Amino acid sequence: MPHFLMNLRHVPDDEADEIRALFEEHDVDYYETPPSRWGISMGGFWAREADEAERARDLLATYQQSRQDTQRADYARRLAAGEVPSFAQRLWRRPVTILATLLAVALILGLSVAPFLSW
């Protein structure tokens, strides 16, 4: 019976590659199912045996903590260097996209709340 290890939905390619390399380095017997094009099926990493799944989960926990620390440090560095754009900078770069998104959110919110209001 297969044992689920990790969902691949919204996982960046570099992270998935690092996990594959980690499993290969530690000789974890795993297989991978790709996520569907439209996001209906999740895809992920799987192990065939329960003991292999437990070992893989331990490796994943250590890896994910390390990646979290690395990504947070990188974000803090980019924030301090002024490389993270503010909302105003994003609005200036792509005003039509941002305003259209805000308008769509307001429209959906309005349509969702309208039945509960007495207009």
PDB file of N, CA and C in Angstrom:
ATOM      1  N   MET A   1       0.840  -1.174   0.000  1.00  0.00           N
ATOM      2  CA  MET A   1       0.000   0.000   0.000  1.00  0.00           C
ATOM      3  C   MET A   1       0.890   1.243   0.000  1.00  0.00           C
ATOM      4  N   PRO A   2       0.657   2.187  -0.907  1.00  0.00           N
ATOM      5  CA  PRO A   2       1.512   3.381  -0.979  1.00  0.00           C
ATOM      6  C   PRO A   2       1.315   4.314   0.221  1.00  0.00           C
ATOM      7  N   HIS A   3       2.369   5.021   0.552  1.00  0.00           N
ATOM      8  CA  HIS A   3       2.352   5.968   1.666  1.00  0.00           C
ATOM      9  C   HIS A   3       2.698   7.353   1.131  1.00  0.00           C
ATOM     10  N   PHE A   4       1.787   8.293   1.340  1.00  0.00           N
ATOM     11  CA  PHE A   4       1.963   9.656   0.843  1.00  0.00           C
ATOM     12  C   PHE A   4       3.029  10.376   1.650  1.00  0.00           C
ATOM     13  N   LEU A   5       3.945  11.058   0.941  1.00  0.00           N
ATOM     14  CA  LEU A   5       5.019  11.781   1.605  1.00  0.00           C
ATOM     15  C   LEU A   5       4.849  13.300   1.516  1.00  0.00           C
ATOM     16  N   MET A   6       4.534  13.786   0.299  1.00  0.00           N
ATOM     17  CA  MET A   6       4.486  15.231   0.115  1.00  0.00           C
ATOM     18  C   MET A   6       3.680  15.589  -1.112  1.00  0.00           C
ATOM     19  N   ASN A   7       2.862  16.619  -0.982  1.00  0.00           N
ATOM     20  CA  ASN A   7       2.084  17.159  -2.084  1.00  0.00           C
ATOM     21  C   ASN A   7       2.995  18.017  -2.964  1.00  0.00           C
ATOM     22  N   LEU A   8       2.860  17.912  -4.264  1.00  0.00           N
ATOM     23  CA  LEU A   8       3.685  18.711  -5.173  1.00  0.00           C
ATOM     24  C   LEU A   8       2.974  19.948  -5.722  1.00  0.00           C
ATOM     25  N   ARG A   9       1.744  20.175  -5.314  1.00  0.00           N
ATOM     26  CA  ARG A   9       1.025  21.357  -5.793  1.00  0.00           C
ATOM     27  C   ARG A   9       1.691  22.608  -5.227  1.00  0.00           C
ATOM     28  N   HIS A  10       1.999  23.544  -6.081  1.00  0.00           N
ATOM     29  CA  HIS A  10       2.615  24.837  -5.744  1.00  0.00           C
ATOM     30  C   HIS A  10       4.040  24.697  -5.198  1.00  0.00           C
ATOM     31  N   VAL A  11       4.693  23.586  -5.469  1.00  0.00           N
ATOM     32  CA  VAL A  11       6.083  23.406  -5.056  1.00  0.00           C
ATOM     33  C   VAL A  11       6.970  23.890  -6.192  1.00  0.00           C
ATOM     34  N   PRO A  12       7.885  24.831  -5.912  1.00  0.00           N
ATOM     35  CA  PRO A  12       8.782  25.296  -6.979  1.00  0.00           C
ATOM     36  C   PRO A  12       9.671  24.168  -7.497  1.00  0.00           C
ATOM     37  N   ASP A  13      10.077  24.298  -8.743  1.00  0.00           N
ATOM     38  CA  ASP A  13      10.902  23.266  -9.373  1.00  0.00           C
ATOM     39  C   ASP A  13      12.207  23.025  -8.623  1.00  0.00           C
ATOM     40  N   ASP A  14      12.834  24.096  -8.118  1.00  0.00           N
ATOM     41  CA  ASP A  14      14.103  23.910  -7.418  1.00  0.00           C
ATOM     42  C   ASP A  14      13.917  23.113  -6.126  1.00  0.00           C
ATOM     43  N   GLU A  15      12.805  23.313  -5.445  1.00  0.00           N
ATOM     44  CA  GLU A  15      12.545  22.545  -4.225  1.00  0.00           C
ATOM     45  C   GLU A  15      12.291  21.077  -4.548  1.00  0.00           C
ATOM     46  N   ALA A  16      11.499  20.809  -5.568  1.00  0.00           N
ATOM     47  CA  ALA A  16      11.236  19.426  -5.968  1.00  0.00           C
ATOM     48  C   ALA A  16      12.533  18.730  -6.385  1.00  0.00           C
ATOM     49  N   ASP A  17      13.386  19.441  -7.110  1.00  0.00           N
ATOM     50  CA  ASP A  17      14.683  18.873  -7.514  1.00  0.00           C
ATOM     51  C   ASP A  17      15.554  18.559  -6.300  1.00  0.00           C
ATOM     52  N   GLU A  18      15.552  19.457  -5.318  1.00  0.00           N
ATOM     53  CA  GLU A  18      16.345  19.225  -4.110  1.00  0.00           C
ATOM     54  C   GLU A  18      15.826  18.011  -3.334  1.00  0.00           C
ATOM     55  N   ILE A  19      14.514  17.839  -3.295  1.00  0.00           N
ATOM     56  CA  ILE A  19      13.938  16.689  -2.588  1.00  0.00           C
ATOM     57  C   ILE A  19      14.276  15.393  -3.318  1.00  0.00           C
ATOM     58  N   ARG A  20      14.197  15.415  -4.656  1.00  0.00           N
ATOM     59  CA  ARG A  20      14.593  14.228  -5.422  1.00  0.00           C
ATOM     60  C   ARG A  20      16.055  13.863  -5.120  1.00  0.00           C
ATOM     61  N   ALA A  21      16.915  14.877  -5.125  1.00  0.00           N
ATOM     62  CA  ALA A  21      18.336  14.650  -4.846  1.00  0.00           C
ATOM     63  C   ALA A  21      18.537  14.119  -3.424  1.00  0.00           C
ATOM     64  N   LEU A  22      17.764  14.639  -2.474  1.00  0.00           N
ATOM     65  CA  LEU A  22      17.851  14.164  -1.091  1.00  0.00           C
ATOM     66  C   LEU A  22      17.458  12.696  -1.001  1.00  0.00           C
ATOM     67  N   PHE A  23      16.362  12.336  -1.644  1.00  0.00           N
ATOM     68  CA  PHE A  23      15.928  10.941  -1.631  1.00  0.00           C
ATOM     69  C   PHE A  23      16.946  10.035  -2.316  1.00  0.00           C
ATOM     70  N   GLU A  24      17.497  10.482  -3.431  1.00  0.00           N
ATOM     71  CA  GLU A  24      18.506   9.686  -4.138  1.00  0.00           C
ATOM     72  C   GLU A  24      19.760   9.518  -3.280  1.00  0.00           C
ATOM     73  N   GLU A  25      20.176  10.599  -2.632  1.00  0.00           N
ATOM     74  CA  GLU A  25      21.381  10.561  -1.806  1.00  0.00           C
ATOM     75  C   GLU A  25      21.242   9.572  -0.650  1.00  0.00           C
ATOM     76  N   HIS A  26      20.046   9.462  -0.100  1.00  0.00           N
ATOM     77  CA  HIS A  26      19.819   8.581   1.046  1.00  0.00           C
ATOM     78  C   HIS A  26      19.161   7.259   0.651  1.00  0.00           C
ATOM     79  N   ASP A  27      19.162   6.964  -0.636  1.00  0.00           N
ATOM     80  CA  ASP A  27      18.623   5.698  -1.155  1.00  0.00           C
ATOM     81  C   ASP A  27      17.196   5.409  -0.678  1.00  0.00           C
ATOM     82  N   VAL A  28      16.344   6.434  -0.742  1.00  0.00           N
ATOM     83  CA  VAL A  28      14.937   6.255  -0.378  1.00  0.00           C
ATOM     84  C   VAL A  28      14.216   5.682  -1.590  1.00  0.00           C
ATOM     85  N   ASP A  29      13.477   4.605  -1.369  1.00  0.00           N
ATOM     86  CA  ASP A  29      12.699   3.981  -2.435  1.00  0.00           C
ATOM     87  C   ASP A  29      11.372   4.741  -2.546  1.00  0.00           C
ATOM     88  N   TYR A  30      11.295   5.672  -3.488  1.00  0.00           N
ATOM     89  CA  TYR A  30      10.120   6.510  -3.652  1.00  0.00           C
ATOM     90  C   TYR A  30       9.699   6.523  -5.111  1.00  0.00           C
ATOM     91  N   TYR A  31       8.518   7.028  -5.349  1.00  0.00           N
ATOM     92  CA  TYR A  31       8.097   7.328  -6.715  1.00  0.00           C
ATOM     93  C   TYR A  31       7.299   8.614  -6.694  1.00  0.00           C
ATOM     94  N   GLU A  32       7.084   9.159  -7.873  1.00  0.00           N
ATOM     95  CA  GLU A  32       6.480  10.483  -7.984  1.00  0.00           C
ATOM     96  C   GLU A  32       5.300  10.436  -8.947  1.00  0.00           C
ATOM     97  N   THR A  33       4.230  11.123  -8.570  1.00  0.00           N
ATOM     98  CA  THR A  33       3.101  11.310  -9.477  1.00  0.00           C
ATOM     99  C   THR A  33       2.999  12.800  -9.760  1.00  0.00           C
ATOM    100  N   PRO A  34       2.872  13.190 -11.021  1.00  0.00           N
ATOM    101  CA  PRO A  34       2.817  14.612 -11.341  1.00  0.00           C
ATOM    102  C   PRO A  34       1.438  15.199 -11.040  1.00  0.00           C
ATOM    103  N   PRO A  35       1.377  16.488 -10.688  1.00  0.00           N
ATOM    104  CA  PRO A  35       0.078  17.128 -10.512  1.00  0.00           C
ATOM    105  C   PRO A  35      -0.601  17.291 -11.864  1.00  0.00           C
ATOM    106  N   SER A  36      -1.927  17.310 -11.855  1.00  0.00           N
ATOM    107  CA  SER A  36      -2.640  17.471 -13.115  1.00  0.00           C
ATOM    108  C   SER A  36      -2.509  18.900 -13.619  1.00  0.00           C
ATOM    109  N   ARG A  37      -2.763  19.084 -14.882  1.00  0.00           N
ATOM    110  CA  ARG A  37      -2.633  20.394 -15.510  1.00  0.00           C
ATOM    111  C   ARG A  37      -3.569  21.420 -14.891  1.00  0.00           C
ATOM    112  N   TRP A  38      -4.766  21.001 -14.511  1.00  0.00           N
ATOM    113  CA  TRP A  38      -5.758  21.941 -13.994  1.00  0.00           C
ATOM    114  C   TRP A  38      -5.839  21.933 -12.477  1.00  0.00           C
ATOM    115  N   GLY A  39      -4.938  21.255 -11.813  1.00  0.00           N
ATOM    116  CA  GLY A  39      -4.895  21.263 -10.361  1.00  0.00           C
ATOM    117  C   GLY A  39      -5.946  20.406  -9.682  1.00  0.00           C
ATOM    118  N   ILE A  40      -6.502  19.448 -10.405  1.00  0.00           N
ATOM    119  CA  ILE A  40      -7.527  18.599  -9.814  1.00  0.00           C
ATOM    120  C   ILE A  40      -6.881  17.502  -8.962  1.00  0.00           C
ATOM    121  N   SER A  41      -5.901  16.811  -9.514  1.00  0.00           N
ATOM    122  CA  SER A  41      -5.178  15.809  -8.719  1.00  0.00           C
ATOM    123  C   SER A  41      -3.896  16.438  -8.204  1.00  0.00           C
ATOM    124  N   MET A  42      -3.486  16.025  -7.014  1.00  0.00           N
ATOM    125  CA  MET A  42      -2.420  16.745  -6.343  1.00  0.00           C
ATOM    126  C   MET A  42      -1.021  16.348  -6.754  1.00  0.00           C
ATOM    127  N   GLY A  43      -0.797  15.160  -7.169  1.00  0.00           N
ATOM    128  CA  GLY A  43       0.574  14.744  -7.468  1.00  0.00           C
ATOM    129  C   GLY A  43       1.420  14.783  -6.208  1.00  0.00           C
ATOM    130  N   GLY A  44       2.501  14.056  -6.205  1.00  0.00           N
ATOM    131  CA  GLY A  44       3.345  14.099  -5.025  1.00  0.00           C
ATOM    132  C   GLY A  44       4.393  13.015  -5.004  1.00  0.00           C
ATOM    133  N   PHE A  45       5.084  12.958  -3.873  1.00  0.00           N
ATOM    134  CA  PHE A  45       6.070  11.916  -3.620  1.00  0.00           C
ATOM    135  C   PHE A  45       5.414  10.853  -2.751  1.00  0.00           C
ATOM    136  N   TRP A  46       5.709   9.605  -3.067  1.00  0.00           N
ATOM    137  CA  TRP A  46       5.124   8.458  -2.381  1.00  0.00           C
ATOM    138  C   TRP A  46       6.212   7.441  -2.074  1.00  0.00           C
ATOM    139  N   ALA A  47       5.990   6.669  -1.020  1.00  0.00           N
ATOM    140  CA  ALA A  47       6.865   5.540  -0.692  1.00  0.00           C
ATOM    141  C   ALA A  47       6.022   4.272  -0.717  1.00  0.00           C
ATOM    142  N   ARG A  48       6.653   3.172  -1.054  1.00  0.00           N
ATOM    143  CA  ARG A  48       5.922   1.911  -1.154  1.00  0.00           C
ATOM    144  C   ARG A  48       5.771   1.204   0.199  1.00  0.00           C
ATOM    145  N   GLU A  49       6.757   1.344   1.058  1.00  0.00           N
ATOM    146  CA  GLU A  49       6.777   0.627   2.339  1.00  0.00           C
ATOM    147  C   GLU A  49       6.659   1.614   3.502  1.00  0.00           C
ATOM    148  N   ALA A  50       6.046   1.160   4.593  1.00  0.00           N
ATOM    149  CA  ALA A  50       5.819   2.015   5.758  1.00  0.00           C
ATOM    150  C   ALA A  50       7.130   2.469   6.411  1.00  0.00           C
ATOM    151  N   ASP A  51       8.095   1.565   6.535  1.00  0.00           N
ATOM    152  CA  ASP A  51       9.360   1.953   7.160  1.00  0.00           C
ATOM    153  C   ASP A  51      10.139   2.932   6.296  1.00  0.00           C
ATOM    154  N   GLU A  52      10.055   2.761   4.993  1.00  0.00           N
ATOM    155  CA  GLU A  52      10.699   3.694   4.059  1.00  0.00           C
ATOM    156  C   GLU A  52      10.011   5.065   4.124  1.00  0.00           C
ATOM    157  N   ALA A  53       8.699   5.060   4.275  1.00  0.00           N
ATOM    158  CA  ALA A  53       7.948   6.308   4.380  1.00  0.00           C
ATOM    159  C   ALA A  53       8.337   7.070   5.641  1.00  0.00           C
ATOM    160  N   GLU A  54       8.517   6.353   6.735  1.00  0.00           N
ATOM    161  CA  GLU A  54       8.906   6.997   7.994  1.00  0.00           C
ATOM    162  C   GLU A  54      10.282   7.633   7.872  1.00  0.00           C
ATOM    163  N   ARG A  55      11.206   6.916   7.267  1.00  0.00           N
ATOM    164  CA  ARG A  55      12.562   7.451   7.068  1.00  0.00           C
ATOM    165  C   ARG A  55      12.525   8.666   6.151  1.00  0.00           C
ATOM    166  N   ALA A  56      11.719   8.597   5.088  1.00  0.00           N
ATOM    167  CA  ALA A  56      11.600   9.723   4.152  1.00  0.00           C
ATOM    168  C   ALA A  56      10.967  10.931   4.835  1.00  0.00           C
ATOM    169  N   ARG A  57       9.984  10.715   5.688  1.00  0.00           N
ATOM    170  CA  ARG A  57       9.343  11.831   6.400  1.00  0.00           C
ATOM    171  C   ARG A  57      10.333  12.518   7.340  1.00  0.00           C
ATOM    172  N   ASP A  58      11.187  11.736   7.985  1.00  0.00           N
ATOM    173  CA  ASP A  58      12.218  12.328   8.843  1.00  0.00           C
ATOM    174  C   ASP A  58      13.179  13.189   8.027  1.00  0.00           C
ATOM    175  N   LEU A  59      13.584  12.676   6.867  1.00  0.00           N
ATOM    176  CA  LEU A  59      14.467  13.454   5.986  1.00  0.00           C
ATOM    177  C   LEU A  59      13.767  14.720   5.505  1.00  0.00           C
ATOM    178  N   LEU A  60      12.493  14.603   5.141  1.00  0.00           N
ATOM    179  CA  LEU A  60      11.736  15.764   4.678  1.00  0.00           C
ATOM    180  C   LEU A  60      11.580  16.819   5.763  1.00  0.00           C
ATOM    181  N   ALA A  61      11.334  16.396   6.983  1.00  0.00           N
ATOM    182  CA  ALA A  61      11.181  17.349   8.082  1.00  0.00           C
ATOM    183  C   ALA A  61      12.458  18.157   8.284  1.00  0.00           C
ATOM    184  N   THR A  62      13.586  17.481   8.266  1.00  0.00           N
ATOM    185  CA  THR A  62      14.875  18.167   8.409  1.00  0.00           C
ATOM    186  C   THR A  62      15.122  19.103   7.230  1.00  0.00           C
ATOM    187  N   TYR A  63      14.867  18.611   6.019  1.00  0.00           N
ATOM    188  CA  TYR A  63      15.057  19.423   4.819  1.00  0.00           C
ATOM    189  C   TYR A  63      14.157  20.660   4.841  1.00  0.00           C
ATOM    190  N   GLN A  64      12.878  20.477   5.170  1.00  0.00           N
ATOM    191  CA  GLN A  64      11.946  21.601   5.124  1.00  0.00           C
ATOM    192  C   GLN A  64      12.281  22.660   6.166  1.00  0.00           C
ATOM    193  N   GLN A  65      12.761  22.250   7.338  1.00  0.00           N
ATOM    194  CA  GLN A  65      13.182  23.237   8.335  1.00  0.00           C
ATOM    195  C   GLN A  65      14.380  24.030   7.825  1.00  0.00           C
ATOM    196  N   SER A  66      15.325  23.328   7.199  1.00  0.00           N
ATOM    197  CA  SER A  66      16.500  23.992   6.637  1.00  0.00           C
ATOM    198  C   SER A  66      16.100  24.952   5.519  1.00  0.00           C
ATOM    199  N   ARG A  67      15.200  24.514   4.646  1.00  0.00           N
ATOM    200  CA  ARG A  67      14.752  25.375   3.543  1.00  0.00           C
ATOM    201  C   ARG A  67      14.003  26.595   4.076  1.00  0.00           C
ATOM    202  N   GLN A  68      13.174  26.397   5.082  1.00  0.00           N
ATOM    203  CA  GLN A  68      12.449  27.520   5.667  1.00  0.00           C
ATOM    204  C   GLN A  68      13.419  28.563   6.215  1.00  0.00           C
ATOM    205  N   ASP A  69      14.429  28.117   6.938  1.00  0.00           N
ATOM    206  CA  ASP A  69      15.417  29.038   7.490  1.00  0.00           C
ATOM    207  C   ASP A  69      16.155  29.779   6.376  1.00  0.00           C
ATOM    208  N   THR A  70      16.533  29.051   5.326  1.00  0.00           N
ATOM    209  CA  THR A  70      17.252  29.650   4.201  1.00  0.00           C
ATOM    210  C   THR A  70      16.386  30.680   3.475  1.00  0.00           C
ATOM    211  N   GLN A  71      15.129  30.329   3.205  1.00  0.00           N
ATOM    212  CA  GLN A  71      14.232  31.232   2.482  1.00  0.00           C
ATOM    213  C   GLN A  71      13.915  32.485   3.304  1.00  0.00           C
ATOM    214  N   ARG A  72      13.726  32.324   4.602  1.00  0.00           N
ATOM    215  CA  ARG A  72      13.460  33.496   5.453  1.00  0.00           C
ATOM    216  C   ARG A  72      14.670  34.417   5.513  1.00  0.00           C
ATOM    217  N   ALA A  73      15.856  33.843   5.599  1.00  0.00           N
ATOM    218  CA  ALA A  73      17.072  34.658   5.617  1.00  0.00           C
ATOM    219  C   ALA A  73      17.241  35.382   4.289  1.00  0.00           C
ATOM    220  N   ASP A  74      16.942  34.709   3.174  1.00  0.00           N
ATOM    221  CA  ASP A  74      17.039  35.333   1.858  1.00  0.00           C
ATOM    222  C   ASP A  74      16.027  36.472   1.716  1.00  0.00           C
ATOM    223  N   TYR A  75      14.817  36.263   2.213  1.00  0.00           N
ATOM    224  CA  TYR A  75      13.798  37.316   2.154  1.00  0.00           C
ATOM    225  C   TYR A  75      14.210  38.523   3.001  1.00  0.00           C
ATOM    226  N   ALA A  76      14.739  38.265   4.193  1.00  0.00           N
ATOM    227  CA  ALA A  76      15.197  39.355   5.058  1.00  0.00           C
ATOM    228  C   ALA A  76      16.327  40.131   4.388  1.00  0.00           C
ATOM    229  N   ARG A  77      17.244  39.418   3.721  1.00  0.00           N
ATOM    230  CA  ARG A  77      18.344  40.085   3.023  1.00  0.00           C
ATOM    231  C   ARG A  77      17.815  40.951   1.888  1.00  0.00           C
ATOM    232  N   ARG A  78      16.874  40.389   1.087  1.00  0.00           N
ATOM    233  CA  ARG A  78      16.317  41.153  -0.027  1.00  0.00           C
ATOM    234  C   ARG A  78      15.488  42.337   0.461  1.00  0.00           C
ATOM    235  N   LEU A  79      14.799  42.169   1.576  1.00  0.00           N
ATOM    236  CA  LEU A  79      14.013  43.263   2.151  1.00  0.00           C
ATOM    237  C   LEU A  79      14.936  44.385   2.614  1.00  0.00           C
ATOM    238  N   ALA A  80      16.029  44.030   3.287  1.00  0.00           N
ATOM    239  CA  ALA A  80      16.999  45.031   3.753  1.00  0.00           C
ATOM    240  C   ALA A  80      17.683  45.738   2.588  1.00  0.00           C
ATOM    241  N   ALA A  81      17.876  45.027   1.483  1.00  0.00           N
ATOM    242  CA  ALA A  81      18.529  45.616   0.308  1.00  0.00           C
ATOM    243  C   ALA A  81      17.548  46.402  -0.559  1.00  0.00           C
ATOM    244  N   GLY A  82      16.276  46.394  -0.196  1.00  0.00           N
ATOM    245  CA  GLY A  82      15.273  47.117  -0.973  1.00  0.00           C
ATOM    246  C   GLY A  82      14.885  46.429  -2.263  1.00  0.00           C
ATOM    247  N   GLU A  83      15.093  45.122  -2.338  1.00  0.00           N
ATOM    248  CA  GLU A  83      14.781  44.368  -3.552  1.00  0.00           C
ATOM    249  C   GLU A  83      13.355  43.824  -3.572  1.00  0.00           C
ATOM    250  N   VAL A  84      12.635  43.925  -2.445  1.00  0.00           N
ATOM    251  CA  VAL A  84      11.251  43.437  -2.373  1.00  0.00           C
ATOM    252  C   VAL A  84      10.343  44.622  -2.698  1.00  0.00           C
ATOM    253  N   PRO A  85       9.582  44.530  -3.792  1.00  0.00           N
ATOM    254  CA  PRO A  85       8.754  45.684  -4.177  1.00  0.00           C
ATOM    255  C   PRO A  85       7.571  45.887  -3.227  1.00  0.00           C
ATOM    256  N   SER A  86       7.288  47.143  -2.958  1.00  0.00           N
ATOM    257  CA  SER A  86       6.133  47.485  -2.133  1.00  0.00           C
ATOM    258  C   SER A  86       4.870  47.439  -2.994  1.00  0.00           C
ATOM    259  N   PHE A  87       3.709  47.592  -2.357  1.00  0.00           N
ATOM    260  CA  PHE A  87       2.456  47.602  -3.109  1.00  0.00           C
ATOM    261  C   PHE A  87       2.450  48.764  -4.105  1.00  0.00           C
ATOM    262  N   ALA A  88       2.939  49.919  -3.684  1.00  0.00           N
ATOM    263  CA  ALA A  88       2.971  51.086  -4.574  1.00  0.00           C
ATOM    264  C   ALA A  88       3.869  50.829  -5.787  1.00  0.00           C
ATOM    265  N   GLN A  89       5.000  50.174  -5.580  1.00  0.00           N
ATOM    266  CA  GLN A  89       5.893  49.850  -6.694  1.00  0.00           C
ATOM    267  C   GLN A  89       5.246  48.858  -7.651  1.00  0.00           C
ATOM    268  N   ARG A  90       4.550  47.881  -7.114  1.00  0.00           N
ATOM    269  CA  ARG A  90       3.850  46.919  -7.969  1.00  0.00           C
ATOM    270  C   ARG A  90       2.734  47.607  -8.742  1.00  0.00           C
ATOM    271  N   LEU A  91       2.018  48.501  -8.075  1.00  0.00           N
ATOM    272  CA  LEU A  91       0.950  49.245  -8.740  1.00  0.00           C
ATOM    273  C   LEU A  91       1.512  50.100  -9.869  1.00  0.00           C
ATOM    274  N   TRP A  92       2.648  50.721  -9.647  1.00  0.00           N
ATOM    275  CA  TRP A  92       3.275  51.560 -10.657  1.00  0.00           C
ATOM    276  C   TRP A  92       3.729  50.738 -11.871  1.00  0.00           C
ATOM    277  N   ARG A  93       4.248  49.520 -11.622  1.00  0.00           N
ATOM    278  CA  ARG A  93       4.735  48.672 -12.710  1.00  0.00           C
ATOM    279  C   ARG A  93       3.601  48.066 -13.535  1.00  0.00           C
ATOM    280  N   ARG A  94       2.518  47.669 -12.885  1.00  0.00           N
ATOM    281  CA  ARG A  94       1.420  46.991 -13.578  1.00  0.00           C
ATOM    282  C   ARG A  94       0.072  47.531 -13.094  1.00  0.00           C
ATOM    283  N   PRO A  95      -0.225  48.793 -13.376  1.00  0.00           N
ATOM    284  CA  PRO A  95      -1.437  49.399 -12.821  1.00  0.00           C
ATOM    285  C   PRO A  95      -2.732  48.741 -13.311  1.00  0.00           C
ATOM    286  N   VAL A  96      -2.796  48.379 -14.577  1.00  0.00           N
ATOM    287  CA  VAL A  96      -4.027  47.796 -15.113  1.00  0.00           C
ATOM    288  C   VAL A  96      -4.313  46.436 -14.460  1.00  0.00           C
ATOM    289  N   THR A  97      -3.293  45.620 -14.333  1.00  0.00           N
ATOM    290  CA  THR A  97      -3.460  44.296 -13.722  1.00  0.00           C
ATOM    291  C   THR A  97      -3.897  44.417 -12.266  1.00  0.00           C
ATOM    292  N   ILE A  98      -3.238  45.272 -11.512  1.00  0.00           N
ATOM    293  CA  ILE A  98      -3.563  45.432 -10.089  1.00  0.00           C
ATOM    294  C   ILE A  98      -4.973  45.989  -9.927  1.00  0.00           C
ATOM    295  N   LEU A  99      -5.304  47.021 -10.690  1.00  0.00           N
ATOM    296  CA  LEU A  99      -6.633  47.615 -10.569  1.00  0.00           C
ATOM    297  C   LEU A  99      -7.729  46.654 -11.031  1.00  0.00           C
ATOM    298  N   ALA A 100      -7.480  45.886 -12.074  1.00  0.00           N
ATOM    299  CA  ALA A 100      -8.464  44.903 -12.535  1.00  0.00           C
ATOM    300  C   ALA A 100      -8.668  43.825 -11.475  1.00  0.00           C
ATOM    301  N   THR A 101      -7.600  43.413 -10.823  1.00  0.00           N
ATOM    302  CA  THR A 101      -7.708  42.415  -9.761  1.00  0.00           C
ATOM    303  C   THR A 101      -8.510  42.963  -8.588  1.00  0.00           C
ATOM    304  N   LEU A 102      -8.224  44.187  -8.181  1.00  0.00           N
ATOM    305  CA  LEU A 102      -8.962  44.802  -7.081  1.00  0.00           C
ATOM    306  C   LEU A 102     -10.435  44.974  -7.434  1.00  0.00           C
ATOM    307  N   LEU A 103     -10.723  45.351  -8.672  1.00  0.00           N
ATOM    308  CA  LEU A 103     -12.101  45.499  -9.125  1.00  0.00           C
ATOM    309  C   LEU A 103     -12.816  44.143  -9.108  1.00  0.00           C
ATOM    310  N   ALA A 104     -12.143  43.085  -9.562  1.00  0.00           N
ATOM    311  CA  ALA A 104     -12.737  41.748  -9.562  1.00  0.00           C
ATOM    312  C   ALA A 104     -13.027  41.276  -8.139  1.00  0.00           C
ATOM    313  N   VAL A 105     -12.119  41.538  -7.220  1.00  0.00           N
ATOM    314  CA  VAL A 105     -12.331  41.156  -5.822  1.00  0.00           C
ATOM    315  C   VAL A 105     -13.525  41.912  -5.253  1.00  0.00           C
ATOM    316  N   ALA A 106     -13.602  43.217  -5.531  1.00  0.00           N
ATOM    317  CA  ALA A 106     -14.727  44.008  -5.040  1.00  0.00           C
ATOM    318  C   ALA A 106     -16.048  43.516  -5.633  1.00  0.00           C
ATOM    319  N   LEU A 107     -16.053  43.174  -6.913  1.00  0.00           N
ATOM    320  CA  LEU A 107     -17.260  42.676  -7.565  1.00  0.00           C
ATOM    321  C   LEU A 107     -17.707  41.336  -6.959  1.00  0.00           C
ATOM    322  N   ILE A 108     -16.780  40.429  -6.788  1.00  0.00           N
ATOM    323  CA  ILE A 108     -17.114  39.131  -6.201  1.00  0.00           C
ATOM    324  C   ILE A 108     -17.602  39.296  -4.763  1.00  0.00           C
ATOM    325  N   LEU A 109     -16.946  40.143  -4.013  1.00  0.00           N
ATOM    326  CA  LEU A 109     -17.370  40.403  -2.634  1.00  0.00           C
ATOM    327  C   LEU A 109     -18.767  41.020  -2.608  1.00  0.00           C
ATOM    328  N   GLY A 110     -19.001  41.968  -3.509  1.00  0.00           N
ATOM    329  CA  GLY A 110     -20.316  42.601  -3.578  1.00  0.00           C
ATOM    330  C   GLY A 110     -21.410  41.613  -3.938  1.00  0.00           C
ATOM    331  N   LEU A 111     -21.153  40.759  -4.928  1.00  0.00           N
ATOM    332  CA  LEU A 111     -22.144  39.758  -5.314  1.00  0.00           C
ATOM    333  C   LEU A 111     -22.385  38.717  -4.220  1.00  0.00           C
ATOM    334  N   SER A 112     -21.346  38.416  -3.458  1.00  0.00           N
ATOM    335  CA  SER A 112     -21.475  37.443  -2.378  1.00  0.00           C
ATOM    336  C   SER A 112     -22.282  38.000  -1.202  1.00  0.00           C
ATOM    337  N   VAL A 113     -22.155  39.281  -0.946  1.00  0.00           N
ATOM    338  CA  VAL A 113     -22.806  39.897   0.210  1.00  0.00           C
ATOM    339  C   VAL A 113     -24.176  40.449  -0.142  1.00  0.00           C
ATOM    340  N   ALA A 114     -24.424  40.755  -1.407  1.00  0.00           N
ATOM    341  CA  ALA A 114     -25.671  41.397  -1.834  1.00  0.00           C
ATOM    342  C   ALA A 114     -26.942  40.691  -1.357  1.00  0.00           C
ATOM    343  N   PRO A 115     -27.031  39.365  -1.391  1.00  0.00           N
ATOM    344  CA  PRO A 115     -28.277  38.719  -0.930  1.00  0.00           C
ATOM    345  C   PRO A 115     -28.574  38.964   0.556  1.00  0.00           C
ATOM    346  N   PHE A 116     -27.552  39.290   1.331  1.00  0.00           N
ATOM    347  CA  PHE A 116     -27.745  39.486   2.758  1.00  0.00           C
ATOM    348  C   PHE A 116     -28.032  40.944   3.132  1.00  0.00           C
ATOM    349  N   LEU A 117     -27.914  41.811   2.176  1.00  0.00           N
ATOM    350  CA  LEU A 117     -28.190  43.233   2.406  1.00  0.00           C
ATOM    351  C   LEU A 117     -29.529  43.602   1.815  1.00  0.00           C
ATOM    352  N   SER A 118     -30.221  44.512   2.428  1.00  0.00           N
ATOM    353  CA  SER A 118     -31.508  44.949   1.866  1.00  0.00           C
ATOM    354  C   SER A 118     -31.283  46.250   1.100  1.00  0.00           C
ATOM    355  N   TRP A 119     -31.060  46.107  -0.184  1.00  0.00           N
ATOM    356  CA  TRP A 119     -30.795  47.278  -1.032  1.00  0.00           C
ATOM    357  C   TRP A 119     -32.067  47.867  -1.491  1.00  0.00           C
TER     358      TRP A 119
END
